[in-house]
Amino acid sequence: MSDSQSRGIILTTTNSIEGRRIKEYKGIIFGEVVAGVNFLKDFAAGLSNIFGGRSGSYENELIEARKNALGELSERARSAGANAVIGIDVDYEVLGQGNMLMVIASGTAVLVE
């Protein structure tokens, strides 16, 4: 599954899709994911902070959470009778003591020809 097309639903950050006409607007939809980060990932990230470098464990967690949020957005678009989501925005938030990551994807569900 690519970030630009998820389970047959076209996903884009733009407000239109080149070569396609928007036939109907279905409304604003959201895909939310809250992911916990475990002790081992925190420990590995702490080592990266001390010795420098990137935290692969956190990066992978972030990538997976974003994919899941976009997948949820696709499912909600399908449920609304849409075949595309335009104007997508992805936001990230840290919750709790910094061990929870919330990813929210939002956009406008549309039916395109």
N, C-alpha and C. Protein backbone atom coordinates (compact mmCIF):
# COMPACT_ATOMS: atom_id res chain seq x y z
N MET A 1 0.85 -1.17 0.00
CA MET A 1 0.00 0.00 0.00
C MET A 1 0.89 1.23 0.00
N SER A 2 0.72 2.13 -0.94
CA SER A 2 1.51 3.35 -0.98
C SER A 2 0.78 4.45 -0.24
N ASP A 3 1.52 5.52 0.12
CA ASP A 3 0.89 6.65 0.79
C ASP A 3 -0.04 7.42 -0.12
N SER A 4 0.16 7.36 -1.45
CA SER A 4 -0.67 8.14 -2.37
C SER A 4 -1.97 7.44 -2.73
N GLN A 5 -2.02 6.14 -2.58
CA GLN A 5 -3.24 5.41 -2.88
C GLN A 5 -3.38 4.26 -1.89
N SER A 6 -4.44 4.29 -1.10
CA SER A 6 -4.61 3.33 -0.04
C SER A 6 -5.88 2.53 -0.23
N ARG A 7 -5.71 1.22 -0.53
CA ARG A 7 -6.84 0.31 -0.69
C ARG A 7 -7.86 0.83 -1.70
N GLY A 8 -7.38 1.35 -2.83
CA GLY A 8 -8.26 1.80 -3.89
C GLY A 8 -8.79 3.21 -3.73
N ILE A 9 -8.49 3.85 -2.62
CA ILE A 9 -8.91 5.23 -2.38
C ILE A 9 -7.74 6.13 -2.72
N ILE A 10 -7.97 7.14 -3.55
CA ILE A 10 -6.92 8.10 -3.90
C ILE A 10 -6.75 9.05 -2.73
N LEU A 11 -5.51 9.22 -2.28
CA LEU A 11 -5.18 10.13 -1.19
C LEU A 11 -4.23 11.19 -1.70
N THR A 12 -4.55 12.47 -1.44
CA THR A 12 -3.67 13.54 -1.89
C THR A 12 -3.75 14.74 -0.95
N THR A 13 -2.64 15.45 -0.86
CA THR A 13 -2.61 16.68 -0.06
C THR A 13 -3.13 17.88 -0.85
N THR A 14 -3.29 17.71 -2.15
CA THR A 14 -3.77 18.81 -2.99
C THR A 14 -5.29 18.91 -2.93
N ASN A 15 -5.83 20.00 -3.42
CA ASN A 15 -7.28 20.22 -3.38
C ASN A 15 -7.99 19.75 -4.64
N SER A 16 -7.26 19.14 -5.53
CA SER A 16 -7.85 18.57 -6.74
C SER A 16 -6.98 17.40 -7.18
N ILE A 17 -7.51 16.62 -8.13
CA ILE A 17 -6.76 15.49 -8.67
C ILE A 17 -6.69 15.70 -10.18
N GLU A 18 -5.48 15.87 -10.68
CA GLU A 18 -5.29 16.15 -12.09
C GLU A 18 -5.97 15.09 -12.96
N GLY A 19 -6.74 15.57 -13.92
CA GLY A 19 -7.42 14.68 -14.85
C GLY A 19 -8.71 14.08 -14.32
N ARG A 20 -9.08 14.40 -13.09
CA ARG A 20 -10.30 13.88 -12.49
C ARG A 20 -11.19 15.05 -12.09
N ARG A 21 -12.50 14.88 -12.23
CA ARG A 21 -13.45 15.91 -11.84
C ARG A 21 -14.14 15.47 -10.56
N ILE A 22 -14.23 16.40 -9.60
CA ILE A 22 -14.94 16.10 -8.36
C ILE A 22 -16.43 16.16 -8.66
N LYS A 23 -17.07 15.03 -8.44
CA LYS A 23 -18.50 14.90 -8.71
C LYS A 23 -19.34 15.25 -7.47
N GLU A 24 -18.81 14.89 -6.29
CA GLU A 24 -19.57 15.13 -5.07
C GLU A 24 -18.62 15.22 -3.87
N TYR A 25 -18.91 16.19 -2.99
CA TYR A 25 -18.17 16.32 -1.73
C TYR A 25 -18.94 15.56 -0.66
N LYS A 26 -18.24 14.68 0.06
CA LYS A 26 -18.88 13.84 1.08
C LYS A 26 -18.66 14.36 2.49
N GLY A 27 -17.73 15.28 2.67
CA GLY A 27 -17.49 15.87 3.99
C GLY A 27 -16.08 15.65 4.49
N ILE A 28 -15.79 16.30 5.61
CA ILE A 28 -14.48 16.19 6.25
C ILE A 28 -14.44 14.89 7.04
N ILE A 29 -13.34 14.16 6.90
CA ILE A 29 -13.17 12.90 7.62
C ILE A 29 -11.83 12.88 8.33
N PHE A 30 -11.71 11.98 9.29
CA PHE A 30 -10.50 11.87 10.10
C PHE A 30 -10.10 10.42 10.25
N GLY A 31 -8.81 10.19 10.39
CA GLY A 31 -8.26 8.89 10.77
C GLY A 31 -7.31 9.14 11.93
N GLU A 32 -7.60 8.52 13.07
CA GLU A 32 -6.78 8.74 14.27
C GLU A 32 -6.13 7.44 14.71
N VAL A 33 -4.90 7.56 15.18
CA VAL A 33 -4.18 6.42 15.73
C VAL A 33 -3.42 6.91 16.96
N VAL A 34 -3.53 6.16 18.05
CA VAL A 34 -2.72 6.42 19.24
C VAL A 34 -1.83 5.20 19.43
N ALA A 35 -0.54 5.43 19.40
CA ALA A 35 0.43 4.32 19.50
C ALA A 35 1.28 4.50 20.74
N GLY A 36 1.44 3.43 21.47
CA GLY A 36 2.31 3.44 22.64
C GLY A 36 3.72 3.08 22.25
N VAL A 37 4.67 3.65 22.94
CA VAL A 37 6.08 3.33 22.70
C VAL A 37 6.57 2.61 23.95
N ASN A 38 7.14 1.43 23.77
CA ASN A 38 7.52 0.63 24.93
C ASN A 38 8.89 1.00 25.49
N PHE A 39 9.21 0.39 26.62
CA PHE A 39 10.45 0.68 27.34
C PHE A 39 11.70 0.45 26.48
N LEU A 40 11.74 -0.63 25.72
CA LEU A 40 12.93 -0.93 24.93
C LEU A 40 13.18 0.14 23.87
N LYS A 41 12.09 0.63 23.25
CA LYS A 41 12.26 1.70 22.26
C LYS A 41 12.73 2.98 22.93
N ASP A 42 12.17 3.27 24.13
CA ASP A 42 12.62 4.45 24.88
C ASP A 42 14.10 4.34 25.22
N PHE A 43 14.53 3.16 25.63
CA PHE A 43 15.93 2.94 25.98
C PHE A 43 16.83 3.14 24.77
N ALA A 44 16.44 2.55 23.62
CA ALA A 44 17.23 2.69 22.39
C ALA A 44 17.28 4.15 21.95
N ALA A 45 16.16 4.85 22.07
CA ALA A 45 16.14 6.27 21.69
C ALA A 45 17.03 7.08 22.62
N GLY A 46 17.05 6.71 23.91
CA GLY A 46 17.92 7.40 24.86
C GLY A 46 19.39 7.24 24.51
N LEU A 47 19.77 6.05 24.07
CA LEU A 47 21.15 5.83 23.63
C LEU A 47 21.48 6.69 22.42
N SER A 48 20.51 6.82 21.50
CA SER A 48 20.74 7.67 20.33
C SER A 48 20.95 9.11 20.75
N ASN A 49 20.20 9.56 21.77
CA ASN A 49 20.35 10.93 22.26
C ASN A 49 21.73 11.14 22.87
N ILE A 50 22.22 10.13 23.58
CA ILE A 50 23.53 10.25 24.24
C ILE A 50 24.66 10.20 23.22
N PHE A 51 24.62 9.24 22.31
CA PHE A 51 25.73 9.02 21.38
C PHE A 51 25.53 9.70 20.03
N GLY A 52 24.37 10.28 19.82
CA GLY A 52 24.09 10.93 18.56
C GLY A 52 23.49 9.96 17.56
N GLY A 53 22.94 10.49 16.51
CA GLY A 53 22.35 9.65 15.48
C GLY A 53 20.83 9.67 15.54
N ARG A 54 20.25 8.93 14.65
CA ARG A 54 18.79 8.88 14.53
C ARG A 54 18.25 7.71 15.33
N SER A 55 17.03 7.87 15.79
CA SER A 55 16.38 6.79 16.52
C SER A 55 15.50 6.00 15.56
N GLY A 56 16.05 4.90 15.05
CA GLY A 56 15.32 4.07 14.10
C GLY A 56 14.05 3.50 14.68
N SER A 57 14.06 3.16 15.98
CA SER A 57 12.86 2.58 16.59
C SER A 57 11.72 3.59 16.62
N TYR A 58 12.00 4.84 16.99
CA TYR A 58 10.96 5.86 16.98
C TYR A 58 10.52 6.20 15.56
N GLU A 59 11.47 6.26 14.64
CA GLU A 59 11.12 6.56 13.25
C GLU A 59 10.19 5.49 12.69
N ASN A 60 10.49 4.23 12.97
CA ASN A 60 9.63 3.14 12.49
C ASN A 60 8.24 3.21 13.12
N GLU A 61 8.19 3.55 14.40
CA GLU A 61 6.90 3.70 15.09
C GLU A 61 6.09 4.83 14.45
N LEU A 62 6.74 5.92 14.13
CA LEU A 62 6.09 7.06 13.51
C LEU A 62 5.58 6.72 12.11
N ILE A 63 6.39 6.03 11.33
CA ILE A 63 6.00 5.62 9.98
C ILE A 63 4.78 4.70 10.04
N GLU A 64 4.81 3.73 10.95
CA GLU A 64 3.70 2.78 11.08
C GLU A 64 2.42 3.49 11.53
N ALA A 65 2.53 4.41 12.48
CA ALA A 65 1.36 5.15 12.96
C ALA A 65 0.76 6.00 11.83
N ARG A 66 1.61 6.63 11.02
CA ARG A 66 1.11 7.43 9.89
C ARG A 66 0.40 6.55 8.87
N LYS A 67 0.97 5.40 8.54
CA LYS A 67 0.33 4.48 7.60
C LYS A 67 -1.03 4.02 8.13
N ASN A 68 -1.10 3.73 9.43
CA ASN A 68 -2.36 3.30 10.02
C ASN A 68 -3.40 4.41 10.01
N ALA A 69 -2.99 5.65 10.27
CA ALA A 69 -3.92 6.77 10.25
C ALA A 69 -4.46 7.00 8.84
N LEU A 70 -3.59 6.88 7.83
CA LEU A 70 -4.05 7.03 6.44
C LEU A 70 -4.94 5.86 6.03
N GLY A 71 -4.65 4.67 6.54
CA GLY A 71 -5.52 3.52 6.28
C GLY A 71 -6.90 3.72 6.88
N GLU A 72 -6.94 4.25 8.10
CA GLU A 72 -8.22 4.55 8.76
C GLU A 72 -8.98 5.62 7.98
N LEU A 73 -8.26 6.63 7.49
CA LEU A 73 -8.86 7.68 6.68
C LEU A 73 -9.49 7.08 5.42
N SER A 74 -8.79 6.15 4.79
CA SER A 74 -9.30 5.48 3.58
C SER A 74 -10.58 4.71 3.87
N GLU A 75 -10.59 3.99 4.99
CA GLU A 75 -11.78 3.21 5.36
C GLU A 75 -12.97 4.12 5.62
N ARG A 76 -12.73 5.25 6.27
CA ARG A 76 -13.84 6.19 6.54
C ARG A 76 -14.32 6.84 5.26
N ALA A 77 -13.42 7.07 4.31
CA ALA A 77 -13.82 7.61 3.01
C ALA A 77 -14.71 6.61 2.29
N ARG A 78 -14.31 5.37 2.29
CA ARG A 78 -15.09 4.31 1.65
C ARG A 78 -16.48 4.21 2.29
N SER A 79 -16.54 4.29 3.61
CA SER A 79 -17.82 4.23 4.32
C SER A 79 -18.72 5.41 3.98
N ALA A 80 -18.11 6.53 3.63
CA ALA A 80 -18.88 7.73 3.27
C ALA A 80 -19.30 7.71 1.80
N GLY A 81 -18.88 6.68 1.05
CA GLY A 81 -19.22 6.59 -0.36
C GLY A 81 -18.28 7.36 -1.26
N ALA A 82 -17.08 7.66 -0.77
CA ALA A 82 -16.08 8.42 -1.54
C ALA A 82 -15.07 7.46 -2.16
N ASN A 83 -14.38 7.94 -3.20
CA ASN A 83 -13.30 7.16 -3.78
C ASN A 83 -11.97 7.93 -3.76
N ALA A 84 -11.98 9.08 -3.05
CA ALA A 84 -10.76 9.88 -2.92
C ALA A 84 -10.87 10.78 -1.69
N VAL A 85 -9.70 11.18 -1.19
CA VAL A 85 -9.64 12.16 -0.11
C VAL A 85 -8.65 13.23 -0.55
N ILE A 86 -9.10 14.47 -0.56
CA ILE A 86 -8.25 15.59 -0.98
C ILE A 86 -7.92 16.47 0.22
N GLY A 87 -6.90 17.31 0.06
CA GLY A 87 -6.52 18.26 1.10
C GLY A 87 -6.09 17.60 2.39
N ILE A 88 -5.41 16.47 2.29
CA ILE A 88 -5.03 15.73 3.50
C ILE A 88 -3.96 16.49 4.29
N ASP A 89 -4.16 16.49 5.61
CA ASP A 89 -3.20 17.06 6.55
C ASP A 89 -2.93 15.99 7.60
N VAL A 90 -1.68 15.81 7.96
CA VAL A 90 -1.31 14.84 8.99
C VAL A 90 -0.67 15.60 10.14
N ASP A 91 -1.22 15.39 11.34
CA ASP A 91 -0.71 16.05 12.54
C ASP A 91 -0.23 15.00 13.53
N TYR A 92 0.79 15.36 14.31
CA TYR A 92 1.38 14.47 15.30
C TYR A 92 1.32 15.15 16.66
N GLU A 93 1.05 14.36 17.69
CA GLU A 93 0.98 14.90 19.05
C GLU A 93 1.54 13.85 20.01
N VAL A 94 2.29 14.29 21.01
CA VAL A 94 2.80 13.40 22.04
C VAL A 94 1.86 13.51 23.23
N LEU A 95 1.45 12.36 23.76
CA LEU A 95 0.50 12.31 24.87
C LEU A 95 1.16 11.72 26.11
N GLY A 96 0.54 11.99 27.25
CA GLY A 96 1.00 11.40 28.50
C GLY A 96 2.38 11.86 28.87
N GLN A 97 3.19 10.92 29.34
CA GLN A 97 4.56 11.19 29.77
C GLN A 97 5.53 11.16 28.59
N GLY A 98 5.01 11.28 27.38
CA GLY A 98 5.86 11.21 26.20
C GLY A 98 5.98 9.81 25.64
N ASN A 99 5.18 8.88 26.18
CA ASN A 99 5.28 7.50 25.71
C ASN A 99 4.10 7.10 24.82
N MET A 100 3.27 8.06 24.45
CA MET A 100 2.15 7.81 23.55
C MET A 100 2.23 8.82 22.40
N LEU A 101 2.01 8.34 21.21
CA LEU A 101 2.05 9.17 20.02
C LEU A 101 0.67 9.13 19.36
N MET A 102 0.10 10.29 19.11
CA MET A 102 -1.18 10.37 18.42
C MET A 102 -0.93 10.96 17.02
N VAL A 103 -1.44 10.27 16.02
CA VAL A 103 -1.34 10.74 14.64
C VAL A 103 -2.76 10.91 14.12
N ILE A 104 -3.06 12.10 13.61
CA ILE A 104 -4.39 12.39 13.06
C ILE A 104 -4.23 12.80 11.61
N ALA A 105 -4.93 12.09 10.73
CA ALA A 105 -4.97 12.45 9.31
C ALA A 105 -6.38 12.96 9.03
N SER A 106 -6.49 14.11 8.38
CA SER A 106 -7.81 14.65 8.05
C SER A 106 -7.80 15.10 6.59
N GLY A 107 -8.98 15.15 6.01
CA GLY A 107 -9.12 15.59 4.65
C GLY A 107 -10.59 15.63 4.25
N THR A 108 -10.85 15.95 3.01
CA THR A 108 -12.21 16.01 2.48
C THR A 108 -12.45 14.79 1.61
N ALA A 109 -13.45 14.01 1.99
CA ALA A 109 -13.83 12.84 1.21
C ALA A 109 -14.64 13.31 0.00
N VAL A 110 -14.27 12.82 -1.18
CA VAL A 110 -14.94 13.22 -2.42
C VAL A 110 -15.18 12.00 -3.31
N LEU A 111 -16.12 12.17 -4.21
CA LEU A 111 -16.36 11.17 -5.26
C LEU A 111 -15.87 11.81 -6.55
N VAL A 112 -14.89 11.18 -7.19
CA VAL A 112 -14.33 11.72 -8.43
C VAL A 112 -14.66 10.79 -9.59
N GLU A 113 -14.70 11.39 -10.78
CA GLU A 113 -14.94 10.63 -12.01
C GLU A 113 -13.62 10.29 -12.66
